[in-house]
């Protein structure tokens, strides 16, 4: 060991970190950033599918869009998102995730200006001067584009979304959001949109609470698969099933009477039924066995003669 660490290093290693120091302690494997790292492969597949579909969809509006590529997947707080997405941007609140959570689809301001300018026949010239809001035409175009991307969001997140996604509201300033708090953790994916020599950012942001609730549905490799039951548990299950009570009904005969005659029934009336040559035993209303009615050791009984023939389709 002395060939690897000098005495000072060895002493520091043995002493370790102060457990009472803030931010120190054992590594928590359930921590959100660690859990997201384990989900990166599954999330990458979802976002790659979305990126490919988004490129094709955006080309319907702006033919110069050459590629949409996944840039990075990170965990951030709401405050970090505010610092990342400066106004004016295009931010759509998309409903459809579990737990009434929303997915946020955000276009950075430079990308908004580039798309709108090229859509109306421009060359994608950069905007001059500081602006705090989008124009009416820019806001309307981005609303139309975001709505067109909803089927691609539904396809990429099909293992999670149980309802068709829809845009609840659209903002051009992330500070207008009131559905999340500063303490909420967000899983944010940035896509790089290339238009000629220009590169801009598109963000797909999902609350961690929504992802954590459906971690199995998107293929979390960190969760172990269900283990096979032990032989002892299987035997007890079979024993319990075999002792479960069921109701068996012997249908002796069927007859038909008019409603007029039934309405005049009174105590003591006799209903004539044909003598049953064969009867059907039913379990839970389903034909089970056929048999003959008779007696055995002084008791009414049914002699089983075989299963009920299956009807041909």
Protein backbone atom coordinates (compact mmCIF):
# COMPACT_ATOMS: atom_id res chain seq x y z
CA UNK A 1 0.00 0.00 0.00
CA UNK A 2 2.92 2.33 0.73
CA UNK A 3 3.94 2.04 -2.93
CA UNK A 4 0.61 3.66 -3.93
CA UNK A 5 -0.24 6.22 -1.21
CA UNK A 6 2.06 8.36 0.86
CA UNK A 7 1.36 8.67 4.64
CA UNK A 8 -0.59 11.92 4.29
CA UNK A 9 -2.84 10.45 1.59
CA UNK A 10 -3.37 7.26 3.59
CA UNK A 11 -4.32 9.25 6.69
CA UNK A 12 -6.79 11.35 4.69
CA UNK A 13 -8.34 8.22 3.18
CA UNK A 14 -8.77 6.51 6.57
CA UNK A 15 -10.19 9.66 8.15
CA UNK A 16 -12.80 10.02 5.42
CA UNK A 17 -15.25 12.89 5.18
CA UNK A 18 -16.99 14.50 8.10
CA UNK A 19 -20.44 12.89 8.29
CA UNK A 20 -21.86 16.01 9.90
CA UNK A 21 -20.66 18.29 7.13
CA UNK A 22 -23.50 19.66 4.98
CA UNK A 23 -23.94 17.79 1.70
CA UNK A 24 -21.79 14.88 2.86
CA UNK A 25 -22.77 11.32 3.65
CA UNK A 26 -23.57 8.09 1.91
CA UNK A 27 -24.43 8.09 -1.77
CA UNK A 28 -28.19 7.80 -2.18
CA UNK A 29 -28.99 5.40 -5.04
CA UNK A 30 -32.61 6.60 -5.05
CA UNK A 31 -31.50 10.19 -5.67
CA UNK A 32 -33.20 11.76 -8.69
CA UNK A 33 -30.06 12.53 -10.70
CA UNK A 34 -28.78 8.99 -10.18
CA UNK A 35 -32.16 7.51 -11.14
CA UNK A 36 -32.24 9.63 -14.29
CA UNK A 37 -28.78 8.40 -15.24
CA UNK A 38 -30.14 4.85 -15.11
CA UNK A 39 -33.03 5.94 -17.32
CA UNK A 40 -30.85 7.68 -19.91
CA UNK A 41 -30.89 4.76 -22.44
CA UNK A 42 -34.69 4.54 -22.40
CA UNK A 43 -35.14 8.32 -22.49
CA UNK A 44 -32.63 8.58 -25.34
CA UNK A 45 -34.71 6.17 -27.43
CA UNK A 46 -37.85 8.21 -26.77
CA UNK A 47 -36.19 11.50 -27.59
CA UNK A 48 -34.40 10.14 -30.68
CA UNK A 49 -37.74 9.01 -32.06
CA UNK A 50 -39.21 12.43 -31.30
CA UNK A 51 -36.25 14.20 -32.93
CA UNK A 52 -36.61 12.23 -36.17
CA UNK A 53 -40.36 12.86 -36.37
CA UNK A 54 -39.89 16.54 -35.45
CA UNK A 55 -37.44 17.10 -38.31
CA UNK A 56 -39.92 15.72 -40.85
CA UNK A 57 -42.76 17.76 -39.34
CA UNK A 58 -40.80 21.02 -39.24
CA UNK A 59 -39.71 20.57 -42.85
CA UNK A 60 -43.39 20.83 -43.79
CA UNK A 61 -43.24 24.43 -42.51
CA UNK A 62 -39.59 25.32 -43.18
CA UNK A 63 -37.95 23.18 -45.85
CA UNK A 64 -34.48 24.44 -44.87
CA UNK A 65 -34.51 22.45 -41.59
CA UNK A 66 -31.70 19.96 -42.18
CA UNK A 67 -31.60 18.03 -38.91
CA UNK A 68 -32.91 17.77 -35.35
CA UNK A 69 -30.54 15.99 -32.97
CA UNK A 70 -30.66 15.19 -29.25
CA UNK A 71 -28.11 17.41 -27.54
CA UNK A 72 -28.30 16.49 -23.83
CA UNK A 73 -30.61 15.15 -21.14
CA UNK A 74 -30.24 16.82 -17.75
CA UNK A 75 -32.01 17.29 -14.42
CA UNK A 76 -32.70 20.87 -13.46
CA UNK A 77 -34.78 22.89 -11.04
CA UNK A 78 -37.39 25.37 -12.19
CA UNK A 79 -35.04 28.23 -11.34
CA UNK A 80 -32.41 26.77 -13.69
CA UNK A 81 -35.01 26.52 -16.45
CA UNK A 82 -35.79 30.22 -16.03
CA UNK A 83 -32.10 31.03 -16.47
CA UNK A 84 -31.83 28.74 -19.51
CA UNK A 85 -34.95 29.85 -21.38
CA UNK A 86 -34.92 33.61 -21.56
CA UNK A 87 -37.91 35.55 -22.85
CA UNK A 88 -39.21 35.81 -25.45
CA UNK A 89 -39.43 32.09 -26.20
CA UNK A 90 -42.24 29.83 -27.32
CA UNK A 91 -43.35 27.62 -24.44
CA UNK A 92 -46.29 25.22 -24.83
CA UNK A 93 -47.84 23.41 -21.87
CA UNK A 94 -48.83 19.96 -23.18
CA UNK A 95 -51.31 17.87 -21.18
CA UNK A 96 -51.55 14.08 -21.26
CA UNK A 97 -48.90 12.74 -18.86
CA UNK A 98 -49.76 10.64 -15.78
CA UNK A 99 -50.56 12.30 -12.43
CA UNK A 100 -52.00 15.31 -14.30
CA UNK A 101 -48.46 16.42 -15.06
CA UNK A 102 -47.59 18.51 -18.11
CA UNK A 103 -44.85 18.28 -20.70
CA UNK A 104 -43.28 21.59 -21.67
CA UNK A 105 -42.23 22.11 -25.29
CA UNK A 106 -40.00 25.17 -25.59
CA UNK A 107 -38.33 26.87 -28.56
CA UNK A 108 -35.45 29.23 -27.78
CA UNK A 109 -35.97 32.80 -29.00
CA UNK A 110 -33.33 32.68 -31.77
CA UNK A 111 -34.92 29.52 -33.17
CA UNK A 112 -38.37 31.13 -33.09
CA UNK A 113 -37.15 34.14 -35.08
CA UNK A 114 -35.32 31.91 -37.56
CA UNK A 115 -38.33 29.67 -38.19
CA UNK A 116 -40.82 32.50 -38.53
CA UNK A 117 -38.59 34.54 -40.84
CA UNK A 118 -37.96 31.58 -43.16
CA UNK A 119 -41.63 30.53 -43.09
CA UNK A 120 -42.61 33.94 -44.48
CA UNK A 121 -39.94 33.78 -47.20
CA UNK A 122 -37.01 35.44 -45.46
CA UNK A 123 -33.41 34.29 -45.28
CA UNK A 124 -33.38 33.80 -41.54
CA UNK A 125 -31.75 37.10 -40.65
CA UNK A 126 -31.09 37.61 -36.93
CA UNK A 127 -33.35 39.93 -34.98
CA UNK A 128 -31.97 43.27 -33.92
CA UNK A 129 -32.53 44.79 -30.49
CA UNK A 130 -33.86 43.41 -27.24
CA UNK A 131 -37.42 42.09 -27.23
CA UNK A 132 -39.54 40.84 -24.34
CA UNK A 133 -42.52 39.41 -26.22
CA UNK A 134 -43.29 37.71 -29.51
CA UNK A 135 -45.28 39.47 -32.17
CA UNK A 136 -48.81 38.32 -32.99
CA UNK A 137 -47.65 36.57 -36.18
CA UNK A 138 -44.76 34.86 -34.37
CA UNK A 139 -47.01 33.69 -31.54
CA UNK A 140 -49.62 32.36 -34.00
CA UNK A 141 -47.03 30.52 -36.09
CA UNK A 142 -45.43 28.85 -33.06
CA UNK A 143 -48.86 27.83 -31.78
CA UNK A 144 -49.57 26.23 -35.16
CA UNK A 145 -46.18 24.47 -35.23
CA UNK A 146 -46.46 23.19 -31.64
CA UNK A 147 -49.94 21.82 -32.35
CA UNK A 148 -48.59 20.00 -35.40
CA UNK A 149 -45.97 18.31 -33.19
CA UNK A 150 -48.56 16.79 -30.81
CA UNK A 151 -48.90 13.49 -32.77
CA UNK A 152 -45.10 13.10 -32.65
CA UNK A 153 -45.12 13.67 -28.88
CA UNK A 154 -47.86 11.05 -28.50
CA UNK A 155 -45.94 8.55 -30.64
CA UNK A 156 -42.63 9.03 -28.80
CA UNK A 157 -44.23 8.83 -25.34
CA UNK A 158 -46.82 6.15 -26.25
CA UNK A 159 -45.70 3.89 -23.39
CA UNK A 160 -46.49 6.65 -20.91
CA UNK A 161 -49.33 8.76 -22.28
CA UNK A 162 -52.79 7.29 -21.77
CA UNK A 163 -54.70 10.18 -23.38
CA UNK A 164 -54.17 12.22 -26.52
CA UNK A 165 -51.86 15.18 -25.77
CA UNK A 166 -53.25 18.67 -26.10
CA UNK A 167 -51.90 22.18 -25.58
CA UNK A 168 -53.40 23.72 -22.46
CA UNK A 169 -51.76 27.13 -22.78
CA UNK A 170 -48.88 28.83 -24.57
CA UNK A 171 -46.50 31.45 -23.17
CA UNK A 172 -43.58 33.49 -24.43
CA UNK A 173 -42.11 33.87 -20.94
CA UNK A 174 -41.39 30.84 -18.67
CA UNK A 175 -42.02 33.02 -15.63
CA UNK A 176 -45.71 32.85 -16.52
CA UNK A 177 -45.85 29.15 -15.61
CA UNK A 178 -47.86 28.47 -12.47
CA UNK A 179 -48.13 24.66 -12.65
CA UNK A 180 -44.68 23.97 -11.18
CA UNK A 181 -42.82 25.31 -8.17
CA UNK A 182 -39.20 26.29 -7.77
CA UNK A 183 -38.53 23.12 -5.76
CA UNK A 184 -39.76 20.78 -8.51
CA UNK A 185 -37.16 18.75 -10.39
CA UNK A 186 -37.43 18.64 -14.17
CA UNK A 187 -35.95 16.22 -16.69
CA UNK A 188 -34.97 18.45 -19.59
CA UNK A 189 -33.89 17.34 -23.05
CA UNK A 190 -32.36 19.87 -25.43
CA UNK A 191 -32.47 19.25 -29.18
CA UNK A 192 -30.26 21.06 -31.67
CA UNK A 193 -32.21 22.25 -34.71
CA UNK A 194 -29.99 22.96 -37.72
CA UNK A 195 -31.22 25.30 -40.45
CA UNK A 196 -28.43 25.94 -42.92
CA UNK A 197 -25.55 27.38 -40.90
CA UNK A 198 -27.85 28.28 -38.01
CA UNK A 199 -28.28 26.11 -34.90
CA UNK A 200 -31.00 26.70 -32.33
CA UNK A 201 -32.40 24.96 -29.27
CA UNK A 202 -35.67 23.06 -28.80
CA UNK A 203 -36.47 21.75 -25.30
CA UNK A 204 -38.71 18.93 -24.08
CA UNK A 205 -39.15 19.26 -20.32
CA UNK A 206 -40.99 16.75 -18.11
CA UNK A 207 -41.46 16.87 -14.30
CA UNK A 208 -39.49 14.14 -12.53
CA UNK A 209 -42.60 13.13 -10.56
CA UNK A 210 -44.34 12.09 -13.80
CA UNK A 211 -41.37 10.01 -14.99
CA UNK A 212 -40.80 8.41 -11.59
CA UNK A 213 -44.45 7.28 -11.46
CA UNK A 214 -44.13 5.32 -14.74
CA UNK A 215 -40.48 4.30 -14.56
CA UNK A 216 -41.30 0.68 -15.44
CA UNK A 217 -43.29 1.72 -18.51
CA UNK A 218 -40.33 3.42 -20.13
CA UNK A 219 -37.94 0.56 -19.38
CA UNK A 220 -35.99 1.45 -16.26
CA UNK A 221 -33.08 -1.01 -16.11
CA UNK A 222 -32.52 -0.14 -12.46
CA UNK A 223 -35.68 -1.91 -11.37
CA UNK A 224 -35.31 -5.64 -11.20
CA UNK A 225 -37.83 -7.77 -13.03
CA UNK A 226 -40.36 -9.79 -11.11
CA UNK A 227 -38.72 -12.86 -9.65
CA UNK A 228 -40.34 -16.26 -10.16
CA UNK A 229 -42.43 -17.45 -7.24
CA UNK A 230 -40.95 -19.96 -4.85
CA UNK A 231 -42.21 -23.57 -4.94
CA UNK A 232 -43.67 -23.17 -1.46
CA UNK A 233 -45.68 -20.10 -2.46
CA UNK A 234 -46.90 -21.85 -5.64
CA UNK A 235 -48.05 -24.91 -3.65
CA UNK A 236 -49.96 -22.73 -1.18
CA UNK A 237 -51.59 -20.86 -4.06
CA UNK A 238 -52.73 -24.10 -5.71
CA UNK A 239 -54.00 -25.41 -2.39
CA UNK A 240 -56.00 -22.26 -1.87
CA UNK A 241 -57.48 -22.45 -5.37
CA UNK A 242 -58.46 -26.10 -4.98
CA UNK A 243 -60.30 -25.38 -1.72
CA UNK A 244 -62.15 -22.36 -3.08
CA UNK A 245 -65.95 -22.96 -3.06
CA UNK A 246 -67.82 -22.86 -6.36
CA UNK A 247 -71.55 -23.05 -7.11
CA UNK A 248 -72.77 -25.92 -9.29
CA UNK A 249 -76.31 -25.90 -10.74
CA UNK A 250 -78.12 -28.90 -12.27
CA UNK A 251 -80.56 -27.68 -14.93
CA UNK A 252 -83.36 -30.24 -15.01
CA UNK A 253 -85.59 -28.83 -17.72
CA UNK A 254 -86.77 -25.71 -19.54
CA UNK A 255 -90.38 -24.83 -20.39
CA UNK A 256 -92.20 -21.87 -21.92
CA UNK A 257 -95.40 -20.26 -20.62
CA UNK A 258 -97.39 -17.27 -21.75
CA UNK A 259 -97.21 -14.07 -19.76
CA UNK A 260 -101.02 -14.24 -19.33
CA UNK A 261 -100.77 -17.61 -17.59
CA UNK A 262 -97.82 -16.58 -15.43
CA UNK A 263 -99.74 -13.50 -14.29
CA UNK A 264 -102.52 -15.74 -12.93
CA UNK A 265 -100.22 -17.99 -10.88
CA UNK A 266 -101.30 -18.69 -7.30
CA UNK A 267 -100.08 -20.90 -4.50
CA UNK A 268 -100.79 -24.57 -5.26
CA UNK A 269 -100.67 -24.33 -9.05
CA UNK A 270 -98.67 -27.05 -10.81
CA UNK A 271 -96.31 -26.45 -13.73
CA UNK A 272 -95.92 -29.40 -16.04
CA UNK A 273 -92.35 -29.97 -17.23
CA UNK A 274 -91.01 -32.66 -19.53
CA UNK A 275 -89.30 -35.58 -17.83
CA UNK A 276 -85.56 -34.89 -18.05
CA UNK A 277 -83.73 -37.62 -19.91
CA UNK A 278 -80.49 -35.66 -19.68
CA UNK A 279 -79.51 -32.63 -17.68
CA UNK A 280 -76.64 -30.17 -17.78
CA UNK A 281 -74.42 -29.25 -14.84
CA UNK A 282 -73.34 -25.60 -14.95
CA UNK A 283 -70.48 -23.91 -13.10
CA UNK A 284 -70.64 -20.12 -12.91
CA UNK A 285 -73.33 -20.20 -15.59
CA UNK A 286 -71.13 -22.16 -18.01
CA UNK A 287 -72.04 -25.70 -19.19
CA UNK A 288 -69.63 -28.11 -17.53
CA UNK A 289 -70.87 -31.76 -17.61
CA UNK A 290 -73.91 -33.69 -18.81
CA UNK A 291 -75.65 -36.36 -16.74
CA UNK A 292 -78.85 -38.20 -15.85
CA UNK A 293 -81.19 -37.49 -12.97
CA UNK A 294 -81.91 -40.26 -10.46
CA UNK A 295 -81.41 -41.36 -6.86
CA UNK A 296 -78.57 -42.87 -4.86
CA UNK A 297 -78.90 -44.39 -1.37
CA UNK A 298 -82.18 -42.61 -0.84
CA UNK A 299 -80.90 -39.21 -2.04
CA UNK A 300 -81.60 -37.35 -5.27
CA UNK A 301 -78.50 -37.56 -7.44
CA UNK A 302 -77.02 -36.94 -10.88
CA UNK A 303 -74.99 -39.58 -12.68
CA UNK A 304 -72.23 -37.94 -14.76
CA UNK A 305 -71.98 -39.16 -18.32
CA UNK A 306 -69.38 -36.90 -19.88
CA UNK A 307 -68.44 -33.36 -20.85
CA UNK A 308 -70.78 -31.05 -22.72
CA UNK A 309 -69.98 -31.15 -26.47
CA UNK A 310 -68.43 -27.94 -27.71
CA UNK A 311 -70.43 -26.02 -30.24
CA UNK A 312 -68.80 -25.61 -33.61
CA UNK A 313 -68.27 -21.99 -34.65
